[in-house]
């Protein structure tokens, strides 16, 4: 019985040592300062915003009658915590209001499609 407990403990320790070894192998994949800065700047890049937020851009175009670039600029300014963006966005009440209304519009459309389907 003692040997059974000892073998169970050694299996647990073996698992832990394998996990630690695997963790050491993946430490080279950690985010560096340069990588973090590149990711941060990429998140504010207009073509990247157009690529990653297509439904929000489409909703902004409907709600505030914006073109794609103005909608992407509005998202960028919203992420940068700016209250105001372009003239077209400012006429509609600012970045937060345009984004909120676009989200509500997108949510209503998705709910309506869920009921129909």
PDB file of N, CA and C in Angstrom:
ATOM      1  N   UNK A   1       0.831  -1.196   0.000  1.00  0.00           N
ATOM      2  CA  UNK A   1       0.000   0.000   0.000  1.00  0.00           C
ATOM      3  C   UNK A   1       0.874   1.258   0.000  1.00  0.00           C
ATOM      4  N   UNK A   2       1.949   1.222   0.745  1.00  0.00           N
ATOM      5  CA  UNK A   2       2.854   2.354   0.791  1.00  0.00           C
ATOM      6  C   UNK A   2       3.496   2.566  -0.571  1.00  0.00           C
ATOM      7  N   UNK A   3       3.836   1.487  -1.240  1.00  0.00           N
ATOM      8  CA  UNK A   3       4.442   1.602  -2.568  1.00  0.00           C
ATOM      9  C   UNK A   3       3.452   2.171  -3.582  1.00  0.00           C
ATOM     10  N   UNK A   4       2.165   1.855  -3.402  1.00  0.00           N
ATOM     11  CA  UNK A   4       1.137   2.396  -4.296  1.00  0.00           C
ATOM     12  C   UNK A   4       1.039   3.912  -4.140  1.00  0.00           C
ATOM     13  N   UNK A   5       1.049   4.397  -2.889  1.00  0.00           N
ATOM     14  CA  UNK A   5       1.014   5.836  -2.637  1.00  0.00           C
ATOM     15  C   UNK A   5       2.268   6.510  -3.183  1.00  0.00           C
ATOM     16  N   UNK A   6       3.392   5.860  -2.998  1.00  0.00           N
ATOM     17  CA  UNK A   6       4.651   6.402  -3.496  1.00  0.00           C
ATOM     18  C   UNK A   6       4.648   6.505  -5.022  1.00  0.00           C
ATOM     19  N   UNK A   7       4.091   5.495  -5.697  1.00  0.00           N
ATOM     20  CA  UNK A   7       4.049   5.536  -7.165  1.00  0.00           C
ATOM     21  C   UNK A   7       3.101   6.618  -7.664  1.00  0.00           C
ATOM     22  N   UNK A   8       1.975   6.840  -6.936  1.00  0.00           N
ATOM     23  CA  UNK A   8       1.039   7.901  -7.321  1.00  0.00           C
ATOM     24  C   UNK A   8       1.696   9.273  -7.180  1.00  0.00           C
ATOM     25  N   UNK A   9       2.445   9.461  -6.088  1.00  0.00           N
ATOM     26  CA  UNK A   9       3.136  10.733  -5.876  1.00  0.00           C
ATOM     27  C   UNK A   9       4.196  10.968  -6.943  1.00  0.00           C
ATOM     28  N   UNK A  10       4.918   9.914  -7.292  1.00  0.00           N
ATOM     29  CA  UNK A  10       5.954  10.082  -8.309  1.00  0.00           C
ATOM     30  C   UNK A  10       5.345  10.386  -9.669  1.00  0.00           C
ATOM     31  N   UNK A  11       4.146   9.823  -9.965  1.00  0.00           N
ATOM     32  CA  UNK A  11       3.456  10.143 -11.229  1.00  0.00           C
ATOM     33  C   UNK A  11       3.049  11.608 -11.261  1.00  0.00           C
ATOM     34  N   UNK A  12       2.551  12.107 -10.120  1.00  0.00           N
ATOM     35  CA  UNK A  12       2.168  13.520 -10.047  1.00  0.00           C
ATOM     36  C   UNK A  12       3.386  14.414 -10.231  1.00  0.00           C
ATOM     37  N   UNK A  13       4.472  14.072  -9.554  1.00  0.00           N
ATOM     38  CA  UNK A  13       5.687  14.863  -9.686  1.00  0.00           C
ATOM     39  C   UNK A  13       6.235  14.804 -11.096  1.00  0.00           C
ATOM     40  N   UNK A  14       6.143  13.637 -11.724  1.00  0.00           N
ATOM     41  CA  UNK A  14       6.595  13.490 -13.103  1.00  0.00           C
ATOM     42  C   UNK A  14       5.769  14.390 -14.025  1.00  0.00           C
ATOM     43  N   UNK A  15       4.453  14.434 -13.800  1.00  0.00           N
ATOM     44  CA  UNK A  15       3.579  15.299 -14.598  1.00  0.00           C
ATOM     45  C   UNK A  15       3.957  16.763 -14.397  1.00  0.00           C
ATOM     46  N   UNK A  16       4.209  17.131 -13.145  1.00  0.00           N
ATOM     47  CA  UNK A  16       4.577  18.522 -12.859  1.00  0.00           C
ATOM     48  C   UNK A  16       5.901  18.894 -13.509  1.00  0.00           C
ATOM     49  N   UNK A  17       6.864  17.989 -13.455  1.00  0.00           N
ATOM     50  CA  UNK A  17       8.162  18.294 -14.057  1.00  0.00           C
ATOM     51  C   UNK A  17       8.047  18.407 -15.578  1.00  0.00           C
ATOM     52  N   UNK A  18       7.192  17.585 -16.190  1.00  0.00           N
ATOM     53  CA  UNK A  18       6.968  17.692 -17.639  1.00  0.00           C
ATOM     54  C   UNK A  18       6.294  19.013 -17.987  1.00  0.00           C
ATOM     55  N   UNK A  19       5.349  19.434 -17.149  1.00  0.00           N
ATOM     56  CA  UNK A  19       4.663  20.709 -17.389  1.00  0.00           C
ATOM     57  C   UNK A  19       5.629  21.879 -17.261  1.00  0.00           C
ATOM     58  N   UNK A  20       6.520  21.814 -16.256  1.00  0.00           N
ATOM     59  CA  UNK A  20       7.506  22.880 -16.081  1.00  0.00           C
ATOM     60  C   UNK A  20       8.470  22.932 -17.256  1.00  0.00           C
ATOM     61  N   UNK A  21       8.876  21.748 -17.741  1.00  0.00           N
ATOM     62  CA  UNK A  21       9.791  21.701 -18.887  1.00  0.00           C
ATOM     63  C   UNK A  21       9.115  22.268 -20.138  1.00  0.00           C
ATOM     64  N   UNK A  22       7.838  21.945 -20.311  1.00  0.00           N
ATOM     65  CA  UNK A  22       7.106  22.480 -21.467  1.00  0.00           C
ATOM     66  C   UNK A  22       6.958  23.989 -21.350  1.00  0.00           C
ATOM     67  N   UNK A  23       6.759  24.478 -20.114  1.00  0.00           N
ATOM     68  CA  UNK A  23       6.629  25.914 -19.897  1.00  0.00           C
ATOM     69  C   UNK A  23       7.937  26.630 -20.224  1.00  0.00           C
ATOM     70  N   UNK A  24       9.064  26.023 -19.874  1.00  0.00           N
ATOM     71  CA  UNK A  24      10.351  26.630 -20.187  1.00  0.00           C
ATOM     72  C   UNK A  24      10.589  26.692 -21.684  1.00  0.00           C
ATOM     73  N   UNK A  25      10.079  25.691 -22.414  1.00  0.00           N
ATOM     74  CA  UNK A  25      10.258  25.677 -23.862  1.00  0.00           C
ATOM     75  C   UNK A  25       9.468  26.788 -24.545  1.00  0.00           C
ATOM     76  N   UNK A  26       8.315  27.160 -23.986  1.00  0.00           N
ATOM     77  CA  UNK A  26       7.473  28.169 -24.626  1.00  0.00           C
ATOM     78  C   UNK A  26       7.790  29.580 -24.179  1.00  0.00           C
ATOM     79  N   UNK A  27       8.708  29.752 -23.268  1.00  0.00           N
ATOM     80  CA  UNK A  27       9.020  31.098 -22.778  1.00  0.00           C
ATOM     81  C   UNK A  27       9.614  31.985 -23.856  1.00  0.00           C
ATOM     82  N   UNK A  28      10.174  31.406 -24.885  1.00  0.00           N
ATOM     83  CA  UNK A  28      10.710  32.200 -25.981  1.00  0.00           C
ATOM     84  C   UNK A  28       9.623  32.887 -26.786  1.00  0.00           C
ATOM     85  N   UNK A  29       8.356  32.450 -26.621  1.00  0.00           N
ATOM     86  CA  UNK A  29       7.238  33.010 -27.372  1.00  0.00           C
ATOM     87  C   UNK A  29       6.585  34.179 -26.657  1.00  0.00           C
ATOM     88  N   UNK A  30       7.151  34.621 -25.536  1.00  0.00           N
ATOM     89  CA  UNK A  30       6.542  35.717 -24.795  1.00  0.00           C
ATOM     90  C   UNK A  30       6.638  37.017 -25.586  1.00  0.00           C
ATOM     91  N   UNK A  31       5.731  37.928 -25.305  1.00  0.00           N
ATOM     92  CA  UNK A  31       5.676  39.204 -25.987  1.00  0.00           C
ATOM     93  C   UNK A  31       6.852  40.075 -25.557  1.00  0.00           C
ATOM     94  N   UNK A  32       7.575  40.576 -26.516  1.00  0.00           N
ATOM     95  CA  UNK A  32       8.669  41.496 -26.237  1.00  0.00           C
ATOM     96  C   UNK A  32       8.148  42.926 -26.298  1.00  0.00           C
ATOM     97  N   UNK A  33       8.947  43.855 -25.888  1.00  0.00           N
ATOM     98  CA  UNK A  33       8.541  45.257 -25.938  1.00  0.00           C
ATOM     99  C   UNK A  33       8.298  45.685 -27.380  1.00  0.00           C
ATOM    100  N   UNK A  34       9.183  45.253 -28.269  1.00  0.00           N
ATOM    101  CA  UNK A  34       9.017  45.602 -29.680  1.00  0.00           C
ATOM    102  C   UNK A  34       7.759  44.964 -30.258  1.00  0.00           C
ATOM    103  N   UNK A  35       7.495  43.713 -29.888  1.00  0.00           N
ATOM    104  CA  UNK A  35       6.294  43.029 -30.366  1.00  0.00           C
ATOM    105  C   UNK A  35       5.023  43.677 -29.840  1.00  0.00           C
ATOM    106  N   UNK A  36       5.054  44.093 -28.571  1.00  0.00           N
ATOM    107  CA  UNK A  36       3.893  44.757 -27.984  1.00  0.00           C
ATOM    108  C   UNK A  36       3.641  46.097 -28.662  1.00  0.00           C
ATOM    109  N   UNK A  37       4.712  46.829 -28.947  1.00  0.00           N
ATOM    110  CA  UNK A  37       4.552  48.120 -29.622  1.00  0.00           C
ATOM    111  C   UNK A  37       4.007  47.927 -31.026  1.00  0.00           C
ATOM    112  N   UNK A  38       4.491  46.908 -31.731  1.00  0.00           N
ATOM    113  CA  UNK A  38       3.999  46.634 -33.084  1.00  0.00           C
ATOM    114  C   UNK A  38       2.522  46.258 -33.058  1.00  0.00           C
ATOM    115  N   UNK A  39       2.129  45.434 -32.085  1.00  0.00           N
ATOM    116  CA  UNK A  39       0.718  45.048 -31.971  1.00  0.00           C
ATOM    117  C   UNK A  39      -0.148  46.255 -31.643  1.00  0.00           C
ATOM    118  N   UNK A  40       0.359  47.120 -30.772  1.00  0.00           N
ATOM    119  CA  UNK A  40      -0.387  48.320 -30.407  1.00  0.00           C
ATOM    120  C   UNK A  40      -0.580  49.227 -31.617  1.00  0.00           C
ATOM    121  N   UNK A  41       0.489  49.467 -32.357  1.00  0.00           N
ATOM    122  CA  UNK A  41       0.381  50.330 -33.534  1.00  0.00           C
ATOM    123  C   UNK A  41      -0.475  49.688 -34.614  1.00  0.00           C
ATOM    124  N   UNK A  42      -0.393  48.377 -34.750  1.00  0.00           N
ATOM    125  CA  UNK A  42      -1.199  47.671 -35.741  1.00  0.00           C
ATOM    126  C   UNK A  42      -2.689  47.792 -35.408  1.00  0.00           C
ATOM    127  N   UNK A  43      -3.022  47.841 -34.105  1.00  0.00           N
ATOM    128  CA  UNK A  43      -4.422  47.944 -33.717  1.00  0.00           C
ATOM    129  C   UNK A  43      -5.003  49.317 -34.060  1.00  0.00           C
ATOM    130  N   UNK A  44      -4.136  50.313 -34.300  1.00  0.00           N
ATOM    131  CA  UNK A  44      -4.603  51.640 -34.684  1.00  0.00           C
ATOM    132  C   UNK A  44      -4.437  51.900 -36.182  1.00  0.00           C
ATOM    133  N   UNK A  45      -4.024  50.905 -36.918  1.00  0.00           N
ATOM    134  CA  UNK A  45      -3.806  51.032 -38.355  1.00  0.00           C
ATOM    135  C   UNK A  45      -5.156  50.918 -39.068  1.00  0.00           C
ATOM    136  N   UNK A  46      -5.522  51.896 -39.901  1.00  0.00           N
ATOM    137  CA  UNK A  46      -6.853  51.951 -40.523  1.00  0.00           C
ATOM    138  C   UNK A  46      -7.179  50.682 -41.334  1.00  0.00           C
ATOM    139  N   UNK A  47      -6.290  50.200 -42.218  1.00  0.00           N
ATOM    140  CA  UNK A  47      -6.626  48.958 -42.942  1.00  0.00           C
ATOM    141  C   UNK A  47      -6.830  47.759 -42.005  1.00  0.00           C
ATOM    142  N   UNK A  48      -6.096  47.724 -40.913  1.00  0.00           N
ATOM    143  CA  UNK A  48      -6.272  46.650 -39.941  1.00  0.00           C
ATOM    144  C   UNK A  48      -7.638  46.754 -39.264  1.00  0.00           C
ATOM    145  N   UNK A  49      -8.071  47.953 -38.958  1.00  0.00           N
ATOM    146  CA  UNK A  49      -9.397  48.154 -38.362  1.00  0.00           C
ATOM    147  C   UNK A  49     -10.475  47.729 -39.345  1.00  0.00           C
ATOM    148  N   UNK A  50     -10.323  48.094 -40.614  1.00  0.00           N
ATOM    149  CA  UNK A  50     -11.303  47.687 -41.629  1.00  0.00           C
ATOM    150  C   UNK A  50     -11.371  46.169 -41.751  1.00  0.00           C
ATOM    151  N   UNK A  51     -10.243  45.514 -41.570  1.00  0.00           N
ATOM    152  CA  UNK A  51     -10.188  44.062 -41.680  1.00  0.00           C
ATOM    153  C   UNK A  51     -10.793  43.374 -40.460  1.00  0.00           C
ATOM    154  N   UNK A  52     -10.559  43.914 -39.263  1.00  0.00           N
ATOM    155  CA  UNK A  52     -10.983  43.251 -38.038  1.00  0.00           C
ATOM    156  C   UNK A  52     -12.385  43.624 -37.558  1.00  0.00           C
ATOM    157  N   UNK A  53     -12.932  44.738 -37.998  1.00  0.00           N
ATOM    158  CA  UNK A  53     -14.252  45.172 -37.554  1.00  0.00           C
ATOM    159  C   UNK A  53     -15.188  45.431 -38.739  1.00  0.00           C
ATOM    160  N   UNK A  54     -15.388  44.494 -39.648  1.00  0.00           N
ATOM    161  CA  UNK A  54     -16.198  44.788 -40.842  1.00  0.00           C
ATOM    162  C   UNK A  54     -17.675  45.045 -40.533  1.00  0.00           C
ATOM    163  N   UNK A  55     -18.250  44.306 -39.578  1.00  0.00           N
ATOM    164  CA  UNK A  55     -19.672  44.503 -39.268  1.00  0.00           C
ATOM    165  C   UNK A  55     -19.915  45.830 -38.568  1.00  0.00           C
ATOM    166  N   UNK A  56     -19.000  46.223 -37.682  1.00  0.00           N
ATOM    167  CA  UNK A  56     -19.145  47.509 -37.001  1.00  0.00           C
ATOM    168  C   UNK A  56     -18.996  48.661 -37.994  1.00  0.00           C
ATOM    169  N   UNK A  57     -18.066  48.538 -38.921  1.00  0.00           N
ATOM    170  CA  UNK A  57     -17.888  49.574 -39.954  1.00  0.00           C
ATOM    171  C   UNK A  57     -19.160  49.679 -40.798  1.00  0.00           C
ATOM    172  N   UNK A  58     -19.715  48.531 -41.190  1.00  0.00           N
ATOM    173  CA  UNK A  58     -20.952  48.531 -41.980  1.00  0.00           C
ATOM    174  C   UNK A  58     -22.093  49.191 -41.216  1.00  0.00           C
ATOM    175  N   UNK A  59     -22.208  48.893 -39.933  1.00  0.00           N
ATOM    176  CA  UNK A  59     -23.265  49.503 -39.111  1.00  0.00           C
ATOM    177  C   UNK A  59     -23.067  51.001 -38.968  1.00  0.00           C
ATOM    178  N   UNK A  60     -21.811  51.426 -38.812  1.00  0.00           N
ATOM    179  CA  UNK A  60     -21.542  52.863 -38.712  1.00  0.00           C
ATOM    180  C   UNK A  60     -21.897  53.568 -40.012  1.00  0.00           C
ATOM    181  N   UNK A  61     -21.641  52.911 -41.115  1.00  0.00           N
ATOM    182  CA  UNK A  61     -21.982  53.516 -42.408  1.00  0.00           C
ATOM    183  C   UNK A  61     -23.482  53.721 -42.513  1.00  0.00           C
ATOM    184  N   UNK A  62     -24.267  52.772 -41.993  1.00  0.00           N
ATOM    185  CA  UNK A  62     -25.735  52.900 -42.050  1.00  0.00           C
ATOM    186  C   UNK A  62     -26.253  53.951 -41.086  1.00  0.00           C
ATOM    187  N   UNK A  63     -25.740  53.919 -39.857  1.00  0.00           N
ATOM    188  CA  UNK A  63     -26.271  54.787 -38.805  1.00  0.00           C
ATOM    189  C   UNK A  63     -25.902  56.248 -39.032  1.00  0.00           C
ATOM    190  N   UNK A  64     -24.628  56.511 -39.282  1.00  0.00           N
ATOM    191  CA  UNK A  64     -24.155  57.895 -39.349  1.00  0.00           C
ATOM    192  C   UNK A  64     -23.869  58.348 -40.775  1.00  0.00           C
ATOM    193  N   UNK A  65     -24.194  57.526 -41.753  1.00  0.00           N
ATOM    194  CA  UNK A  65     -23.955  57.816 -43.172  1.00  0.00           C
ATOM    195  C   UNK A  65     -22.493  58.244 -43.370  1.00  0.00           C
ATOM    196  N   UNK A  66     -21.592  57.322 -43.029  1.00  0.00           N
ATOM    197  CA  UNK A  66     -20.158  57.557 -43.150  1.00  0.00           C
ATOM    198  C   UNK A  66     -19.591  56.707 -44.275  1.00  0.00           C
ATOM    199  N   UNK A  67     -18.437  57.101 -44.780  1.00  0.00           N
ATOM    200  CA  UNK A  67     -17.716  56.201 -45.679  1.00  0.00           C
ATOM    201  C   UNK A  67     -16.844  55.279 -44.824  1.00  0.00           C
ATOM    202  N   UNK A  68     -16.219  54.293 -45.450  1.00  0.00           N
ATOM    203  CA  UNK A  68     -15.438  53.307 -44.700  1.00  0.00           C
ATOM    204  C   UNK A  68     -14.289  53.938 -43.923  1.00  0.00           C
ATOM    205  N   UNK A  69     -13.616  54.885 -44.545  1.00  0.00           N
ATOM    206  CA  UNK A  69     -12.457  55.498 -43.879  1.00  0.00           C
ATOM    207  C   UNK A  69     -12.887  56.315 -42.656  1.00  0.00           C
ATOM    208  N   UNK A  70     -13.992  57.033 -42.761  1.00  0.00           N
ATOM    209  CA  UNK A  70     -14.476  57.819 -41.619  1.00  0.00           C
ATOM    210  C   UNK A  70     -14.920  56.893 -40.489  1.00  0.00           C
ATOM    211  N   UNK A  71     -15.538  55.760 -40.837  1.00  0.00           N
ATOM    212  CA  UNK A  71     -15.956  54.799 -39.813  1.00  0.00           C
ATOM    213  C   UNK A  71     -14.739  54.180 -39.129  1.00  0.00           C
ATOM    214  N   UNK A  72     -13.722  53.805 -39.907  1.00  0.00           N
ATOM    215  CA  UNK A  72     -12.506  53.236 -39.325  1.00  0.00           C
ATOM    216  C   UNK A  72     -11.774  54.274 -38.470  1.00  0.00           C
ATOM    217  N   UNK A  73     -11.758  55.503 -38.911  1.00  0.00           N
ATOM    218  CA  UNK A  73     -11.137  56.579 -38.126  1.00  0.00           C
ATOM    219  C   UNK A  73     -11.896  56.786 -36.823  1.00  0.00           C
ATOM    220  N   UNK A  74     -13.207  56.672 -36.881  1.00  0.00           N
ATOM    221  CA  UNK A  74     -14.016  56.797 -35.672  1.00  0.00           C
ATOM    222  C   UNK A  74     -13.691  55.680 -34.685  1.00  0.00           C
ATOM    223  N   UNK A  75     -13.531  54.449 -35.175  1.00  0.00           N
ATOM    224  CA  UNK A  75     -13.165  53.333 -34.301  1.00  0.00           C
ATOM    225  C   UNK A  75     -11.786  53.564 -33.696  1.00  0.00           C
ATOM    226  N   UNK A  76     -10.851  54.030 -34.518  1.00  0.00           N
ATOM    227  CA  UNK A  76      -9.500  54.321 -34.017  1.00  0.00           C
ATOM    228  C   UNK A  76      -9.544  55.388 -32.927  1.00  0.00           C
ATOM    229  N   UNK A  77     -10.319  56.447 -33.153  1.00  0.00           N
ATOM    230  CA  UNK A  77     -10.419  57.513 -32.167  1.00  0.00           C
ATOM    231  C   UNK A  77     -11.130  57.040 -30.900  1.00  0.00           C
ATOM    232  N   UNK A  78     -12.093  56.149 -31.063  1.00  0.00           N
ATOM    233  CA  UNK A  78     -12.779  55.588 -29.901  1.00  0.00           C
ATOM    234  C   UNK A  78     -11.812  54.746 -29.071  1.00  0.00           C
ATOM    235  N   UNK A  79     -10.974  53.951 -29.743  1.00  0.00           N
ATOM    236  CA  UNK A  79      -9.984  53.146 -29.033  1.00  0.00           C
ATOM    237  C   UNK A  79      -8.950  54.023 -28.338  1.00  0.00           C
ATOM    238  N   UNK A  80      -8.672  55.184 -28.902  1.00  0.00           N
ATOM    239  CA  UNK A  80      -7.724  56.123 -28.305  1.00  0.00           C
ATOM    240  C   UNK A  80      -8.394  57.020 -27.260  1.00  0.00           C
ATOM    241  N   UNK A  81      -9.664  56.748 -26.975  1.00  0.00           N
ATOM    242  CA  UNK A  81     -10.463  57.487 -25.982  1.00  0.00           C
ATOM    243  C   UNK A  81     -10.639  58.953 -26.333  1.00  0.00           C
ATOM    244  N   UNK A  82     -10.752  59.240 -27.617  1.00  0.00           N
ATOM    245  CA  UNK A  82     -11.043  60.609 -28.037  1.00  0.00           C
ATOM    246  C   UNK A  82     -12.556  60.756 -28.154  1.00  0.00           C
ATOM    247  N   UNK A  83     -13.071  61.894 -27.765  1.00  0.00           N
ATOM    248  CA  UNK A  83     -14.516  62.126 -27.819  1.00  0.00           C
ATOM    249  C   UNK A  83     -14.981  62.509 -29.219  1.00  0.00           C
ATOM    250  N   UNK A  84     -14.119  63.138 -29.978  1.00  0.00           N
ATOM    251  CA  UNK A  84     -14.514  63.642 -31.276  1.00  0.00           C
ATOM    252  C   UNK A  84     -13.590  63.091 -32.351  1.00  0.00           C
ATOM    253  N   UNK A  85     -14.133  63.007 -33.574  1.00  0.00           N
ATOM    254  CA  UNK A  85     -13.347  62.433 -34.666  1.00  0.00           C
ATOM    255  C   UNK A  85     -13.423  63.350 -35.877  1.00  0.00           C
ATOM    256  N   UNK A  86     -14.097  62.940 -36.915  1.00  0.00           N
ATOM    257  CA  UNK A  86     -14.231  63.762 -38.121  1.00  0.00           C
ATOM    258  C   UNK A  86     -15.509  64.593 -38.030  1.00  0.00           C
ATOM    259  N   UNK A  87     -15.689  65.499 -38.983  1.00  0.00           N
ATOM    260  CA  UNK A  87     -16.886  66.341 -38.988  1.00  0.00           C
ATOM    261  C   UNK A  87     -18.164  65.521 -39.080  1.00  0.00           C
ATOM    262  N   UNK A  88     -18.146  64.472 -39.902  1.00  0.00           N
ATOM    263  CA  UNK A  88     -19.340  63.638 -40.061  1.00  0.00           C
ATOM    264  C   UNK A  88     -19.705  62.944 -38.746  1.00  0.00           C
ATOM    265  N   UNK A  89     -18.717  62.489 -38.016  1.00  0.00           N
ATOM    266  CA  UNK A  89     -18.961  61.837 -36.723  1.00  0.00           C
ATOM    267  C   UNK A  89     -19.383  62.876 -35.692  1.00  0.00           C
ATOM    268  N   UNK A  90     -18.748  64.037 -35.718  1.00  0.00           N
ATOM    269  CA  UNK A  90     -19.081  65.080 -34.753  1.00  0.00           C
ATOM    270  C   UNK A  90     -20.522  65.563 -34.917  1.00  0.00           C
ATOM    271  N   UNK A  91     -21.010  65.609 -36.150  1.00  0.00           N
ATOM    272  CA  UNK A  91     -22.398  66.029 -36.382  1.00  0.00           C
ATOM    273  C   UNK A  91     -23.392  65.036 -35.765  1.00  0.00           C
ATOM    274  N   UNK A  92     -22.977  63.775 -35.634  1.00  0.00           N
ATOM    275  CA  UNK A  92     -23.864  62.740 -35.081  1.00  0.00           C
ATOM    276  C   UNK A  92     -23.729  62.586 -33.569  1.00  0.00           C
ATOM    277  N   UNK A  93     -22.866  63.360 -32.937  1.00  0.00           N
ATOM    278  CA  UNK A  93     -22.776  63.340 -31.486  1.00  0.00           C
ATOM    279  C   UNK A  93     -21.469  62.838 -30.915  1.00  0.00           C
ATOM    280  N   UNK A  94     -20.500  62.535 -31.746  1.00  0.00           N
ATOM    281  CA  UNK A  94     -19.194  62.107 -31.247  1.00  0.00           C
ATOM    282  C   UNK A  94     -18.964  60.614 -31.421  1.00  0.00           C
ATOM    283  N   UNK A  95     -17.762  60.202 -31.099  1.00  0.00           N
ATOM    284  CA  UNK A  95     -17.356  58.819 -31.364  1.00  0.00           C
ATOM    285  C   UNK A  95     -18.150  57.820 -30.535  1.00  0.00           C
ATOM    286  N   UNK A  96     -18.348  58.112 -29.258  1.00  0.00           N
ATOM    287  CA  UNK A  96     -19.048  57.171 -28.388  1.00  0.00           C
ATOM    288  C   UNK A  96     -20.489  56.969 -28.826  1.00  0.00           C
ATOM    289  N   UNK A  97     -21.172  58.048 -29.164  1.00  0.00           N
ATOM    290  CA  UNK A  97     -22.572  57.937 -29.564  1.00  0.00           C
ATOM    291  C   UNK A  97     -22.709  57.189 -30.887  1.00  0.00           C
ATOM    292  N   UNK A  98     -21.840  57.464 -31.847  1.00  0.00           N
ATOM    293  CA  UNK A  98     -21.899  56.773 -33.137  1.00  0.00           C
ATOM    294  C   UNK A  98     -21.626  55.284 -32.950  1.00  0.00           C
ATOM    295  N   UNK A  99     -20.611  54.945 -32.148  1.00  0.00           N
ATOM    296  CA  UNK A  99     -20.292  53.541 -31.908  1.00  0.00           C
ATOM    297  C   UNK A  99     -21.421  52.830 -31.163  1.00  0.00           C
ATOM    298  N   UNK A 100     -22.020  53.513 -30.201  1.00  0.00           N
ATOM    299  CA  UNK A 100     -23.134  52.919 -29.451  1.00  0.00           C
ATOM    300  C   UNK A 100     -24.325  52.663 -30.352  1.00  0.00           C
ATOM    301  N   UNK A 101     -24.681  53.641 -31.164  1.00  0.00           N
ATOM    302  CA  UNK A 101     -25.814  53.468 -32.076  1.00  0.00           C
ATOM    303  C   UNK A 101     -25.535  52.383 -33.114  1.00  0.00           C
ATOM    304  N   UNK A 102     -24.306  52.317 -33.594  1.00  0.00           N
ATOM    305  CA  UNK A 102     -23.937  51.267 -34.558  1.00  0.00           C
ATOM    306  C   UNK A 102     -24.035  49.895 -33.916  1.00  0.00           C
ATOM    307  N   UNK A 103     -23.599  49.778 -32.656  1.00  0.00           N
ATOM    308  CA  UNK A 103     -23.686  48.507 -31.956  1.00  0.00           C
ATOM    309  C   UNK A 103     -25.137  48.110 -31.759  1.00  0.00           C
ATOM    310  N   UNK A 104     -26.004  49.077 -31.392  1.00  0.00           N
ATOM    311  CA  UNK A 104     -27.425  48.790 -31.218  1.00  0.00           C
ATOM    312  C   UNK A 104     -28.048  48.335 -32.539  1.00  0.00           C
ATOM    313  N   UNK A 105     -27.682  49.003 -33.627  1.00  0.00           N
ATOM    314  CA  UNK A 105     -28.193  48.638 -34.952  1.00  0.00           C
ATOM    315  C   UNK A 105     -27.740  47.235 -35.323  1.00  0.00           C
ATOM    316  N   UNK A 106     -26.476  46.939 -35.103  1.00  0.00           N
ATOM    317  CA  UNK A 106     -25.936  45.618 -35.417  1.00  0.00           C
ATOM    318  C   UNK A 106     -26.601  44.548 -34.572  1.00  0.00           C
ATOM    319  N   UNK A 107     -26.843  44.847 -33.320  1.00  0.00           N
ATOM    320  CA  UNK A 107     -27.499  43.906 -32.404  1.00  0.00           C
ATOM    321  C   UNK A 107     -28.939  43.656 -32.834  1.00  0.00           C
ATOM    322  N   UNK A 108     -29.647  44.701 -33.233  1.00  0.00           N
ATOM    323  CA  UNK A 108     -31.037  44.553 -33.672  1.00  0.00           C
ATOM    324  C   UNK A 108     -31.117  43.721 -34.949  1.00  0.00           C
ATOM    325  N   UNK A 109     -30.180  43.938 -35.857  1.00  0.00           N
ATOM    326  CA  UNK A 109     -30.168  43.173 -37.103  1.00  0.00           C
ATOM    327  C   UNK A 109     -29.894  41.703 -36.820  1.00  0.00           C
ATOM    328  N   UNK A 110     -28.941  41.413 -35.932  1.00  0.00           N
ATOM    329  CA  UNK A 110     -28.624  40.012 -35.636  1.00  0.00           C
ATOM    330  C   UNK A 110     -29.768  39.328 -34.916  1.00  0.00           C
ATOM    331  N   UNK A 111     -30.482  40.046 -34.036  1.00  0.00           N
ATOM    332  CA  UNK A 111     -31.639  39.463 -33.357  1.00  0.00           C
ATOM    333  C   UNK A 111     -32.763  39.203 -34.344  1.00  0.00           C
ATOM    334  N   UNK A 112     -32.958  40.134 -35.270  1.00  0.00           N
ATOM    335  CA  UNK A 112     -34.014  39.975 -36.263  1.00  0.00           C
ATOM    336  C   UNK A 112     -33.715  38.781 -37.172  1.00  0.00           C
ATOM    337  N   UNK A 113     -32.467  38.585 -37.534  1.00  0.00           N
ATOM    338  CA  UNK A 113     -32.101  37.442 -38.370  1.00  0.00           C
ATOM    339  C   UNK A 113     -32.277  36.137 -37.601  1.00  0.00           C
ATOM    340  N   UNK A 114     -32.043  36.156 -36.313  1.00  0.00           N
ATOM    341  CA  UNK A 114     -32.227  34.958 -35.479  1.00  0.00           C
ATOM    342  C   UNK A 114     -33.691  34.554 -35.383  1.00  0.00           C
ATOM    343  N   UNK A 115     -34.602  35.532 -35.376  1.00  0.00           N
ATOM    344  CA  UNK A 115     -36.038  35.240 -35.306  1.00  0.00           C
ATOM    345  C   UNK A 115     -36.522  34.687 -36.636  1.00  0.00           C
ATOM    346  N   UNK A 116     -36.052  35.235 -37.725  1.00  0.00           N
ATOM    347  CA  UNK A 116     -36.487  34.799 -39.045  1.00  0.00           C
ATOM    348  C   UNK A 116     -36.004  33.380 -39.336  1.00  0.00           C
ATOM    349  N   UNK A 117     -34.778  33.070 -38.915  1.00  0.00           N
ATOM    350  CA  UNK A 117     -34.201  31.760 -39.231  1.00  0.00           C
ATOM    351  C   UNK A 117     -34.763  30.640 -38.434  1.00  0.00           C
TER     352      UNK A 117
END
